[in-house]
Amino acid sequence: MDSNDVLRLVQGFRHDLMNQLQIMQGYATMGQSEKVQQKIDNLVQMYIEERKLFQLNTPSFTLWLMQLNWHQNIRMEYVIDLYQKNLLHYDQLLLTRFQQLVKAIEEFGDTTELYTGKILMEGSKDDQVKVSICVVGNLKDYTSFQSVLQQSGWESTKINKYYFYIP
């Protein structure tokens, strides 16, 4: 990553933060203090989750995930329900699995459709980490989409819910 990439990253974060602040300012101007408080609460929660993502020590995956929301039609949010887990050894695994997921969405999706995902990383039995995602959006061929994900190491419980475990 060179200095131009870093600047683009910072600019993207500033842009997103300014959008949120302008929305809050608009609500405040209209006297809608409850909506302002709700936006503040959501923003604080997002930064708490971001801090927990950083603490996983997965630099490649974290950077990729944070830039993903600038994708044309894919948005991801995440909840990290882990305490002091160092997943550095699984950084490339996480990155690869999620890149394959996005590639499958691009292959079986529609560029005019918005696809959203909610990632959950949580502890499980035997001190493993369960990584799951719920993907929302219409795909052209769910069967082929699921097949591609299964070949990439994802398992499925429902048509739009996928997961894998990290030892």
N, C-alpha and C. Protein backbone atom coordinates (compact mmCIF):
# COMPACT_ATOMS: atom_id res chain seq x y z
N MET A 1 0.85 -1.17 0.00
CA MET A 1 0.00 0.00 0.00
C MET A 1 0.90 1.24 0.00
N ASP A 2 0.75 2.07 -1.00
CA ASP A 2 1.57 3.27 -1.08
C ASP A 2 0.83 4.46 -0.48
N SER A 3 1.47 5.62 -0.49
CA SER A 3 0.90 6.80 0.16
C SER A 3 -0.41 7.24 -0.49
N ASN A 4 -0.55 7.06 -1.80
CA ASN A 4 -1.81 7.41 -2.46
C ASN A 4 -2.96 6.52 -1.98
N ASP A 5 -2.67 5.24 -1.77
CA ASP A 5 -3.69 4.33 -1.26
C ASP A 5 -4.12 4.74 0.15
N VAL A 6 -3.15 5.11 0.97
CA VAL A 6 -3.46 5.54 2.33
C VAL A 6 -4.31 6.81 2.30
N LEU A 7 -3.95 7.74 1.45
CA LEU A 7 -4.74 8.98 1.34
C LEU A 7 -6.17 8.69 0.87
N ARG A 8 -6.34 7.79 -0.09
CA ARG A 8 -7.68 7.43 -0.54
C ARG A 8 -8.49 6.80 0.60
N LEU A 9 -7.83 6.00 1.40
CA LEU A 9 -8.48 5.38 2.53
C LEU A 9 -8.95 6.43 3.54
N VAL A 10 -8.06 7.34 3.88
CA VAL A 10 -8.41 8.41 4.82
C VAL A 10 -9.53 9.28 4.26
N GLN A 11 -9.44 9.61 2.97
CA GLN A 11 -10.49 10.41 2.35
C GLN A 11 -11.84 9.70 2.40
N GLY A 12 -11.83 8.41 2.17
CA GLY A 12 -13.07 7.65 2.24
C GLY A 12 -13.69 7.68 3.62
N PHE A 13 -12.85 7.52 4.65
CA PHE A 13 -13.36 7.58 6.02
C PHE A 13 -13.89 8.96 6.35
N ARG A 14 -13.16 9.97 5.94
CA ARG A 14 -13.62 11.35 6.20
C ARG A 14 -14.95 11.61 5.50
N HIS A 15 -15.07 11.14 4.27
CA HIS A 15 -16.30 11.32 3.50
C HIS A 15 -17.49 10.66 4.21
N ASP A 16 -17.29 9.40 4.64
CA ASP A 16 -18.36 8.68 5.34
C ASP A 16 -18.74 9.37 6.65
N LEU A 17 -17.74 9.81 7.41
CA LEU A 17 -18.01 10.49 8.67
C LEU A 17 -18.74 11.81 8.43
N MET A 18 -18.31 12.56 7.43
CA MET A 18 -18.98 13.83 7.12
C MET A 18 -20.44 13.59 6.72
N ASN A 19 -20.70 12.54 5.96
CA ASN A 19 -22.09 12.22 5.61
C ASN A 19 -22.93 12.00 6.87
N GLN A 20 -22.41 11.21 7.80
CA GLN A 20 -23.13 10.94 9.04
C GLN A 20 -23.36 12.22 9.84
N LEU A 21 -22.33 13.06 9.94
CA LEU A 21 -22.46 14.31 10.69
C LEU A 21 -23.46 15.26 10.04
N GLN A 22 -23.48 15.32 8.72
CA GLN A 22 -24.43 16.18 8.02
C GLN A 22 -25.87 15.71 8.23
N ILE A 23 -26.07 14.40 8.25
CA ILE A 23 -27.41 13.88 8.54
C ILE A 23 -27.83 14.27 9.94
N MET A 24 -26.92 14.12 10.90
CA MET A 24 -27.23 14.51 12.29
C MET A 24 -27.52 16.00 12.38
N GLN A 25 -26.74 16.78 11.69
CA GLN A 25 -26.95 18.23 11.69
C GLN A 25 -28.33 18.57 11.12
N GLY A 26 -28.73 17.89 10.05
CA GLY A 26 -30.05 18.11 9.47
C GLY A 26 -31.16 17.77 10.45
N TYR A 27 -31.04 16.64 11.14
CA TYR A 27 -32.04 16.27 12.14
C TYR A 27 -32.08 17.29 13.28
N ALA A 28 -30.90 17.74 13.70
CA ALA A 28 -30.84 18.73 14.78
C ALA A 28 -31.51 20.03 14.36
N THR A 29 -31.28 20.45 13.13
CA THR A 29 -31.89 21.68 12.61
C THR A 29 -33.41 21.57 12.60
N MET A 30 -33.91 20.37 12.33
CA MET A 30 -35.36 20.15 12.30
C MET A 30 -35.93 19.86 13.69
N GLY A 31 -35.07 19.89 14.71
CA GLY A 31 -35.53 19.65 16.08
C GLY A 31 -35.85 18.20 16.38
N GLN A 32 -35.31 17.28 15.62
CA GLN A 32 -35.57 15.86 15.82
C GLN A 32 -34.45 15.23 16.65
N SER A 33 -34.43 15.58 17.91
CA SER A 33 -33.34 15.16 18.80
C SER A 33 -33.28 13.65 18.98
N GLU A 34 -34.42 12.96 18.92
CA GLU A 34 -34.39 11.49 19.05
C GLU A 34 -33.64 10.85 17.89
N LYS A 35 -33.85 11.37 16.68
CA LYS A 35 -33.13 10.83 15.52
C LYS A 35 -31.65 11.16 15.59
N VAL A 36 -31.32 12.34 16.12
CA VAL A 36 -29.91 12.70 16.30
C VAL A 36 -29.27 11.71 17.27
N GLN A 37 -29.94 11.45 18.38
CA GLN A 37 -29.39 10.53 19.37
C GLN A 37 -29.25 9.13 18.80
N GLN A 38 -30.22 8.69 18.01
CA GLN A 38 -30.15 7.37 17.39
C GLN A 38 -28.96 7.28 16.44
N LYS A 39 -28.74 8.32 15.64
CA LYS A 39 -27.59 8.34 14.72
C LYS A 39 -26.27 8.33 15.49
N ILE A 40 -26.20 9.09 16.57
CA ILE A 40 -24.99 9.11 17.40
C ILE A 40 -24.74 7.72 17.98
N ASP A 41 -25.78 7.10 18.51
CA ASP A 41 -25.65 5.76 19.09
C ASP A 41 -25.16 4.76 18.04
N ASN A 42 -25.72 4.82 16.83
CA ASN A 42 -25.31 3.92 15.75
C ASN A 42 -23.86 4.15 15.36
N LEU A 43 -23.46 5.42 15.29
CA LEU A 43 -22.09 5.74 14.91
C LEU A 43 -21.10 5.26 15.97
N VAL A 44 -21.44 5.48 17.24
CA VAL A 44 -20.58 5.01 18.32
C VAL A 44 -20.46 3.50 18.29
N GLN A 45 -21.58 2.81 18.09
CA GLN A 45 -21.55 1.34 18.03
C GLN A 45 -20.69 0.86 16.86
N MET A 46 -20.79 1.54 15.72
CA MET A 46 -19.99 1.16 14.57
C MET A 46 -18.49 1.29 14.89
N TYR A 47 -18.11 2.37 15.57
CA TYR A 47 -16.70 2.54 15.91
C TYR A 47 -16.24 1.57 16.99
N ILE A 48 -17.13 1.16 17.87
CA ILE A 48 -16.78 0.13 18.85
C ILE A 48 -16.49 -1.19 18.13
N GLU A 49 -17.35 -1.55 17.17
CA GLU A 49 -17.13 -2.79 16.41
C GLU A 49 -15.85 -2.68 15.58
N GLU A 50 -15.60 -1.51 15.04
CA GLU A 50 -14.37 -1.31 14.26
C GLU A 50 -13.13 -1.51 15.14
N ARG A 51 -13.18 -0.98 16.36
CA ARG A 51 -12.06 -1.16 17.30
C ARG A 51 -11.85 -2.65 17.58
N LYS A 52 -12.94 -3.39 17.79
CA LYS A 52 -12.83 -4.82 18.05
C LYS A 52 -12.27 -5.56 16.82
N LEU A 53 -12.64 -5.10 15.63
CA LEU A 53 -12.07 -5.68 14.41
C LEU A 53 -10.56 -5.46 14.37
N PHE A 54 -10.12 -4.26 14.69
CA PHE A 54 -8.67 -3.97 14.72
C PHE A 54 -7.96 -4.87 15.73
N GLN A 55 -8.59 -5.14 16.85
CA GLN A 55 -7.96 -5.93 17.90
C GLN A 55 -7.79 -7.40 17.54
N LEU A 56 -8.43 -7.85 16.47
CA LEU A 56 -8.26 -9.24 16.03
C LEU A 56 -6.89 -9.47 15.42
N ASN A 57 -6.19 -8.40 15.09
CA ASN A 57 -4.85 -8.48 14.50
C ASN A 57 -4.88 -9.23 13.17
N THR A 58 -5.79 -8.80 12.31
CA THR A 58 -5.92 -9.35 10.96
C THR A 58 -5.79 -8.20 9.97
N PRO A 59 -4.59 -7.67 9.77
CA PRO A 59 -4.44 -6.43 9.00
C PRO A 59 -4.94 -6.50 7.56
N SER A 60 -4.65 -7.56 6.84
CA SER A 60 -5.08 -7.65 5.44
C SER A 60 -6.60 -7.75 5.34
N PHE A 61 -7.18 -8.62 6.15
CA PHE A 61 -8.63 -8.78 6.14
C PHE A 61 -9.32 -7.49 6.59
N THR A 62 -8.83 -6.87 7.64
CA THR A 62 -9.44 -5.65 8.16
C THR A 62 -9.42 -4.54 7.11
N LEU A 63 -8.28 -4.33 6.50
CA LEU A 63 -8.17 -3.29 5.48
C LEU A 63 -9.12 -3.58 4.31
N TRP A 64 -9.15 -4.81 3.85
CA TRP A 64 -10.03 -5.18 2.75
C TRP A 64 -11.49 -4.96 3.12
N LEU A 65 -11.88 -5.39 4.32
CA LEU A 65 -13.27 -5.27 4.76
C LEU A 65 -13.68 -3.80 4.88
N MET A 66 -12.79 -2.98 5.39
CA MET A 66 -13.12 -1.56 5.55
C MET A 66 -13.27 -0.87 4.20
N GLN A 67 -12.54 -1.32 3.21
CA GLN A 67 -12.65 -0.71 1.88
C GLN A 67 -13.83 -1.29 1.10
N LEU A 68 -14.31 -2.45 1.48
CA LEU A 68 -15.37 -3.11 0.73
C LEU A 68 -16.63 -2.25 0.63
N ASN A 69 -16.94 -1.51 1.66
CA ASN A 69 -18.17 -0.72 1.65
C ASN A 69 -18.15 0.41 0.62
N TRP A 70 -17.05 0.59 -0.06
CA TRP A 70 -17.01 1.55 -1.16
C TRP A 70 -17.27 0.84 -2.47
N HIS A 71 -17.56 -0.46 -2.40
CA HIS A 71 -17.91 -1.25 -3.58
C HIS A 71 -19.22 -0.71 -4.15
N GLN A 72 -19.38 -0.86 -5.43
CA GLN A 72 -20.54 -0.33 -6.13
C GLN A 72 -21.87 -0.77 -5.51
N ASN A 73 -22.01 -2.06 -5.21
CA ASN A 73 -23.33 -2.53 -4.77
C ASN A 73 -23.27 -3.60 -3.66
N ILE A 74 -22.19 -3.58 -2.89
CA ILE A 74 -22.06 -4.53 -1.77
C ILE A 74 -21.71 -3.74 -0.51
N ARG A 75 -22.47 -3.97 0.55
CA ARG A 75 -22.22 -3.33 1.84
C ARG A 75 -22.15 -4.41 2.92
N MET A 76 -21.20 -4.27 3.81
CA MET A 76 -21.06 -5.23 4.91
C MET A 76 -20.97 -4.47 6.23
N GLU A 77 -21.64 -5.01 7.21
CA GLU A 77 -21.43 -4.55 8.58
C GLU A 77 -20.97 -5.77 9.37
N TYR A 78 -20.45 -5.54 10.55
CA TYR A 78 -19.89 -6.65 11.30
C TYR A 78 -20.09 -6.45 12.78
N VAL A 79 -20.20 -7.58 13.46
CA VAL A 79 -20.29 -7.62 14.92
C VAL A 79 -19.21 -8.59 15.36
N ILE A 80 -18.33 -8.12 16.22
CA ILE A 80 -17.24 -8.94 16.73
C ILE A 80 -17.55 -9.28 18.18
N ASP A 81 -17.88 -10.52 18.43
CA ASP A 81 -18.23 -10.96 19.78
C ASP A 81 -17.12 -11.86 20.31
N LEU A 82 -15.91 -11.32 20.30
CA LEU A 82 -14.72 -12.03 20.77
C LEU A 82 -13.95 -11.09 21.69
N TYR A 83 -13.28 -11.66 22.66
CA TYR A 83 -12.49 -10.84 23.57
C TYR A 83 -11.03 -11.27 23.49
N GLN A 84 -10.19 -10.33 23.11
CA GLN A 84 -8.74 -10.52 23.03
C GLN A 84 -8.35 -11.79 22.27
N LYS A 85 -8.86 -11.92 21.07
CA LYS A 85 -8.48 -13.02 20.19
C LYS A 85 -7.49 -12.50 19.17
N ASN A 86 -6.35 -13.15 19.07
CA ASN A 86 -5.36 -12.79 18.07
C ASN A 86 -5.48 -13.78 16.92
N LEU A 87 -6.00 -13.30 15.80
CA LEU A 87 -6.24 -14.17 14.65
C LEU A 87 -5.25 -13.92 13.52
N LEU A 88 -4.07 -13.41 13.85
CA LEU A 88 -3.07 -13.09 12.83
C LEU A 88 -2.80 -14.28 11.91
N HIS A 89 -2.71 -15.48 12.48
CA HIS A 89 -2.41 -16.66 11.67
C HIS A 89 -3.55 -17.01 10.69
N TYR A 90 -4.71 -16.41 10.89
CA TYR A 90 -5.87 -16.69 10.04
C TYR A 90 -6.24 -15.50 9.16
N ASP A 91 -5.38 -14.50 9.13
CA ASP A 91 -5.63 -13.28 8.36
C ASP A 91 -5.89 -13.60 6.89
N GLN A 92 -5.01 -14.38 6.28
CA GLN A 92 -5.17 -14.71 4.86
C GLN A 92 -6.38 -15.61 4.61
N LEU A 93 -6.67 -16.51 5.54
CA LEU A 93 -7.85 -17.36 5.41
C LEU A 93 -9.13 -16.50 5.39
N LEU A 94 -9.24 -15.58 6.32
CA LEU A 94 -10.40 -14.69 6.37
C LEU A 94 -10.50 -13.86 5.08
N LEU A 95 -9.38 -13.29 4.68
CA LEU A 95 -9.36 -12.48 3.48
C LEU A 95 -9.81 -13.29 2.27
N THR A 96 -9.24 -14.47 2.09
CA THR A 96 -9.55 -15.30 0.93
C THR A 96 -11.01 -15.72 0.92
N ARG A 97 -11.52 -16.16 2.07
CA ARG A 97 -12.92 -16.63 2.12
C ARG A 97 -13.88 -15.49 1.77
N PHE A 98 -13.62 -14.32 2.31
CA PHE A 98 -14.54 -13.21 2.04
C PHE A 98 -14.37 -12.66 0.63
N GLN A 99 -13.16 -12.69 0.10
CA GLN A 99 -12.99 -12.29 -1.30
C GLN A 99 -13.74 -13.25 -2.22
N GLN A 100 -13.71 -14.54 -1.89
CA GLN A 100 -14.44 -15.52 -2.69
C GLN A 100 -15.95 -15.30 -2.59
N LEU A 101 -16.41 -14.92 -1.41
CA LEU A 101 -17.83 -14.61 -1.22
C LEU A 101 -18.24 -13.43 -2.10
N VAL A 102 -17.46 -12.37 -2.08
CA VAL A 102 -17.77 -11.19 -2.89
C VAL A 102 -17.70 -11.53 -4.38
N LYS A 103 -16.71 -12.31 -4.76
CA LYS A 103 -16.60 -12.72 -6.17
C LYS A 103 -17.85 -13.50 -6.59
N ALA A 104 -18.36 -14.37 -5.71
CA ALA A 104 -19.57 -15.13 -6.02
C ALA A 104 -20.78 -14.21 -6.12
N ILE A 105 -20.87 -13.22 -5.25
CA ILE A 105 -21.97 -12.24 -5.34
C ILE A 105 -21.89 -11.51 -6.68
N GLU A 106 -20.68 -11.12 -7.07
CA GLU A 106 -20.51 -10.43 -8.35
C GLU A 106 -20.90 -11.33 -9.52
N GLU A 107 -20.54 -12.60 -9.42
CA GLU A 107 -20.81 -13.54 -10.51
C GLU A 107 -22.29 -13.87 -10.64
N PHE A 108 -22.96 -14.06 -9.52
CA PHE A 108 -24.36 -14.50 -9.55
C PHE A 108 -25.34 -13.38 -9.20
N GLY A 109 -24.83 -12.19 -9.00
CA GLY A 109 -25.68 -11.07 -8.66
C GLY A 109 -25.99 -10.18 -9.85
N ASP A 110 -26.60 -9.09 -9.55
CA ASP A 110 -27.01 -8.11 -10.55
C ASP A 110 -26.41 -6.77 -10.13
N THR A 111 -25.77 -6.10 -11.04
CA THR A 111 -25.10 -4.83 -10.70
C THR A 111 -26.07 -3.74 -10.28
N THR A 112 -27.37 -3.92 -10.57
CA THR A 112 -28.35 -2.92 -10.16
C THR A 112 -28.95 -3.23 -8.79
N GLU A 113 -28.59 -4.36 -8.22
CA GLU A 113 -29.12 -4.78 -6.92
C GLU A 113 -28.11 -4.45 -5.83
N LEU A 114 -28.60 -3.98 -4.68
CA LEU A 114 -27.74 -3.74 -3.53
C LEU A 114 -27.71 -5.01 -2.68
N TYR A 115 -26.52 -5.51 -2.40
CA TYR A 115 -26.33 -6.69 -1.57
C TYR A 115 -25.76 -6.25 -0.23
N THR A 116 -26.39 -6.71 0.83
CA THR A 116 -25.91 -6.37 2.17
C THR A 116 -25.57 -7.65 2.92
N GLY A 117 -24.62 -7.52 3.79
CA GLY A 117 -24.22 -8.66 4.60
C GLY A 117 -23.95 -8.24 6.02
N LYS A 118 -24.27 -9.12 6.93
CA LYS A 118 -23.94 -8.89 8.34
C LYS A 118 -23.04 -10.03 8.78
N ILE A 119 -21.81 -9.67 9.11
CA ILE A 119 -20.80 -10.63 9.53
C ILE A 119 -20.83 -10.71 11.06
N LEU A 120 -20.80 -11.92 11.57
CA LEU A 120 -20.71 -12.15 13.01
C LEU A 120 -19.52 -13.05 13.27
N MET A 121 -18.63 -12.60 14.13
CA MET A 121 -17.49 -13.41 14.56
C MET A 121 -17.65 -13.62 16.06
N GLU A 122 -17.78 -14.89 16.45
CA GLU A 122 -18.06 -15.20 17.85
C GLU A 122 -17.33 -16.46 18.27
N GLY A 123 -17.12 -16.56 19.58
CA GLY A 123 -16.52 -17.77 20.12
C GLY A 123 -17.51 -18.91 20.05
N SER A 124 -16.99 -20.12 19.96
CA SER A 124 -17.85 -21.30 19.91
C SER A 124 -17.23 -22.38 20.79
N LYS A 125 -17.82 -23.56 20.72
CA LYS A 125 -17.31 -24.69 21.50
C LYS A 125 -15.85 -24.96 21.14
N ASP A 126 -15.13 -25.54 22.04
CA ASP A 126 -13.74 -25.93 21.81
C ASP A 126 -12.84 -24.74 21.50
N ASP A 127 -13.21 -23.57 21.97
CA ASP A 127 -12.41 -22.35 21.79
C ASP A 127 -12.18 -22.00 20.31
N GLN A 128 -13.08 -22.42 19.45
CA GLN A 128 -13.00 -22.04 18.05
C GLN A 128 -13.69 -20.70 17.85
N VAL A 129 -13.47 -20.11 16.68
CA VAL A 129 -14.16 -18.89 16.30
C VAL A 129 -15.11 -19.24 15.16
N LYS A 130 -16.36 -18.90 15.35
CA LYS A 130 -17.34 -19.11 14.28
C LYS A 130 -17.49 -17.80 13.52
N VAL A 131 -17.29 -17.86 12.23
CA VAL A 131 -17.43 -16.71 11.35
C VAL A 131 -18.66 -16.96 10.49
N SER A 132 -19.67 -16.10 10.63
CA SER A 132 -20.88 -16.32 9.84
C SER A 132 -21.30 -15.02 9.17
N ILE A 133 -22.11 -15.17 8.14
CA ILE A 133 -22.60 -14.01 7.42
C ILE A 133 -24.00 -14.32 6.90
N CYS A 134 -24.83 -13.33 6.96
CA CYS A 134 -26.16 -13.39 6.35
C CYS A 134 -26.13 -12.42 5.17
N VAL A 135 -26.38 -12.93 3.97
CA VAL A 135 -26.33 -12.12 2.76
C VAL A 135 -27.76 -11.86 2.30
N VAL A 136 -28.08 -10.58 2.05
CA VAL A 136 -29.41 -10.20 1.60
C VAL A 136 -29.29 -9.58 0.21
N GLY A 137 -30.09 -10.08 -0.71
CA GLY A 137 -30.11 -9.58 -2.08
C GLY A 137 -30.45 -10.72 -3.02
N ASN A 138 -31.08 -10.41 -4.11
CA ASN A 138 -31.50 -11.42 -5.08
C ASN A 138 -30.33 -11.85 -5.95
N LEU A 139 -30.15 -13.15 -6.02
CA LEU A 139 -29.11 -13.73 -6.88
C LEU A 139 -29.77 -14.47 -8.02
N LYS A 140 -29.06 -14.55 -9.13
CA LYS A 140 -29.60 -15.21 -10.33
C LYS A 140 -29.72 -16.72 -10.14
N ASP A 141 -28.78 -17.30 -9.41
CA ASP A 141 -28.75 -18.76 -9.28
C ASP A 141 -28.21 -19.11 -7.89
N TYR A 142 -29.13 -19.28 -6.92
CA TYR A 142 -28.72 -19.58 -5.55
C TYR A 142 -27.97 -20.91 -5.44
N THR A 143 -28.39 -21.89 -6.21
CA THR A 143 -27.75 -23.21 -6.14
C THR A 143 -26.28 -23.13 -6.54
N SER A 144 -26.00 -22.46 -7.63
CA SER A 144 -24.61 -22.30 -8.08
C SER A 144 -23.83 -21.42 -7.10
N PHE A 145 -24.46 -20.39 -6.58
CA PHE A 145 -23.83 -19.51 -5.59
C PHE A 145 -23.41 -20.33 -4.37
N GLN A 146 -24.32 -21.15 -3.86
CA GLN A 146 -24.01 -21.98 -2.69
C GLN A 146 -22.91 -22.99 -3.01
N SER A 147 -22.95 -23.54 -4.19
CA SER A 147 -21.93 -24.51 -4.60
C SER A 147 -20.54 -23.87 -4.62
N VAL A 148 -20.45 -22.67 -5.17
CA VAL A 148 -19.16 -21.96 -5.21
C VAL A 148 -18.68 -21.69 -3.79
N LEU A 149 -19.59 -21.26 -2.92
CA LEU A 149 -19.18 -20.98 -1.54
C LEU A 149 -18.74 -22.26 -0.83
N GLN A 150 -19.44 -23.34 -1.02
CA GLN A 150 -19.05 -24.60 -0.39
C GLN A 150 -17.68 -25.05 -0.87
N GLN A 151 -17.39 -24.87 -2.14
CA GLN A 151 -16.07 -25.21 -2.68
C GLN A 151 -14.99 -24.31 -2.07
N SER A 152 -15.39 -23.13 -1.60
CA SER A 152 -14.45 -22.18 -1.00
C SER A 152 -14.30 -22.37 0.51
N GLY A 153 -15.02 -23.36 1.08
CA GLY A 153 -14.88 -23.64 2.50
C GLY A 153 -16.00 -23.12 3.38
N TRP A 154 -17.01 -22.52 2.77
CA TRP A 154 -18.17 -22.04 3.53
C TRP A 154 -19.17 -23.18 3.68
N GLU A 155 -19.88 -23.18 4.80
CA GLU A 155 -20.99 -24.10 5.01
C GLU A 155 -22.26 -23.27 5.06
N SER A 156 -23.40 -23.92 4.89
CA SER A 156 -24.65 -23.19 4.84
C SER A 156 -25.69 -23.87 5.71
N THR A 157 -26.48 -23.06 6.41
CA THR A 157 -27.59 -23.59 7.19
C THR A 157 -28.91 -23.21 6.54
N LYS A 158 -28.94 -22.07 5.90
CA LYS A 158 -30.13 -21.57 5.23
C LYS A 158 -29.71 -20.97 3.91
N ILE A 159 -30.70 -20.56 3.13
CA ILE A 159 -30.40 -20.09 1.78
C ILE A 159 -29.49 -18.85 1.76
N ASN A 160 -29.51 -18.04 2.79
CA ASN A 160 -28.67 -16.84 2.76
C ASN A 160 -27.73 -16.72 3.95
N LYS A 161 -27.54 -17.81 4.69
CA LYS A 161 -26.65 -17.80 5.86
C LYS A 161 -25.52 -18.80 5.66
N TYR A 162 -24.30 -18.29 5.83
CA TYR A 162 -23.11 -19.09 5.58
C TYR A 162 -22.14 -18.93 6.75
N TYR A 163 -21.31 -19.94 6.98
CA TYR A 163 -20.38 -19.87 8.10
C TYR A 163 -19.18 -20.78 7.86
N PHE A 164 -18.13 -20.56 8.66
CA PHE A 164 -17.01 -21.48 8.77
C PHE A 164 -16.37 -21.27 10.13
N TYR A 165 -15.54 -22.21 10.53
CA TYR A 165 -14.89 -22.16 11.84
C TYR A 165 -13.39 -21.95 11.67
N ILE A 166 -12.83 -21.22 12.62
CA ILE A 166 -11.39 -21.06 12.74
C ILE A 166 -10.98 -21.80 14.01
N PRO A 167 -10.00 -22.71 13.90
CA PRO A 167 -9.60 -23.49 15.09
C PRO A 167 -9.06 -22.63 16.22
